[in-house]
């Protein structure tokens, strides 16, 4: 079963977001912390949904 929000997120390409929204270095979250791939994906999903609304 696919979640409703996941289907919306899947329809939005991260590359289609304005360049200003893509310039975040999601790998380096802070000076001392680096995010895992699943955490970076979560942040990208939030950016996609925020841009859509």
Protein backbone atom coordinates (compact mmCIF):
# COMPACT_ATOMS: atom_id res chain seq x y z
CA UNK A 1 0.00 0.00 0.00
CA UNK A 2 1.42 3.38 -1.02
CA UNK A 3 0.95 6.39 1.18
CA UNK A 4 -0.84 9.42 -0.25
CA UNK A 5 1.92 11.93 0.55
CA UNK A 6 4.57 9.58 -0.82
CA UNK A 7 2.81 9.50 -4.20
CA UNK A 8 2.78 13.31 -4.27
CA UNK A 9 6.47 13.43 -3.35
CA UNK A 10 7.33 10.87 -6.03
CA UNK A 11 5.65 13.04 -8.68
CA UNK A 12 7.90 16.02 -7.88
CA UNK A 13 11.45 15.95 -9.14
CA UNK A 14 14.00 17.51 -6.79
CA UNK A 15 15.73 18.90 -9.90
CA UNK A 16 12.57 20.83 -10.78
CA UNK A 17 12.79 22.92 -7.61
CA UNK A 18 14.23 26.42 -7.94
CA UNK A 19 18.05 26.41 -7.81
CA UNK A 20 17.92 28.40 -4.59
CA UNK A 21 16.22 25.42 -2.92
CA UNK A 22 18.71 22.91 -4.33
CA UNK A 23 21.87 24.65 -3.12
CA UNK A 24 21.67 23.29 0.41
CA UNK A 25 24.46 20.91 1.31
CA UNK A 26 22.24 18.23 2.76
CA UNK A 27 25.18 15.93 3.46
CA UNK A 28 26.71 18.31 5.98
CA UNK A 29 23.96 19.18 8.37
CA UNK A 30 26.18 21.07 10.80
CA UNK A 31 29.84 21.58 11.57
CA UNK A 32 30.09 18.33 13.49
CA UNK A 33 27.34 16.19 11.95
CA UNK A 34 26.84 14.44 8.65
CA UNK A 35 23.47 13.02 7.67
CA UNK A 36 22.77 9.51 6.45
CA UNK A 37 21.22 9.02 3.00
CA UNK A 38 17.75 8.33 4.42
CA UNK A 39 17.95 11.58 6.43
CA UNK A 40 18.98 13.58 3.34
CA UNK A 41 16.08 12.01 1.43
CA UNK A 42 13.69 13.09 4.19
CA UNK A 43 14.90 16.68 3.94
CA UNK A 44 14.54 16.61 0.16
CA UNK A 45 10.98 15.32 0.55
CA UNK A 46 10.14 18.17 2.92
CA UNK A 47 11.56 20.70 0.46
CA UNK A 48 9.50 19.19 -2.37
CA UNK A 49 6.28 19.35 -0.35
CA UNK A 50 7.03 22.87 0.88
CA UNK A 51 7.56 24.09 -2.69
CA UNK A 52 4.34 22.41 -3.85
CA UNK A 53 2.14 24.23 -1.31
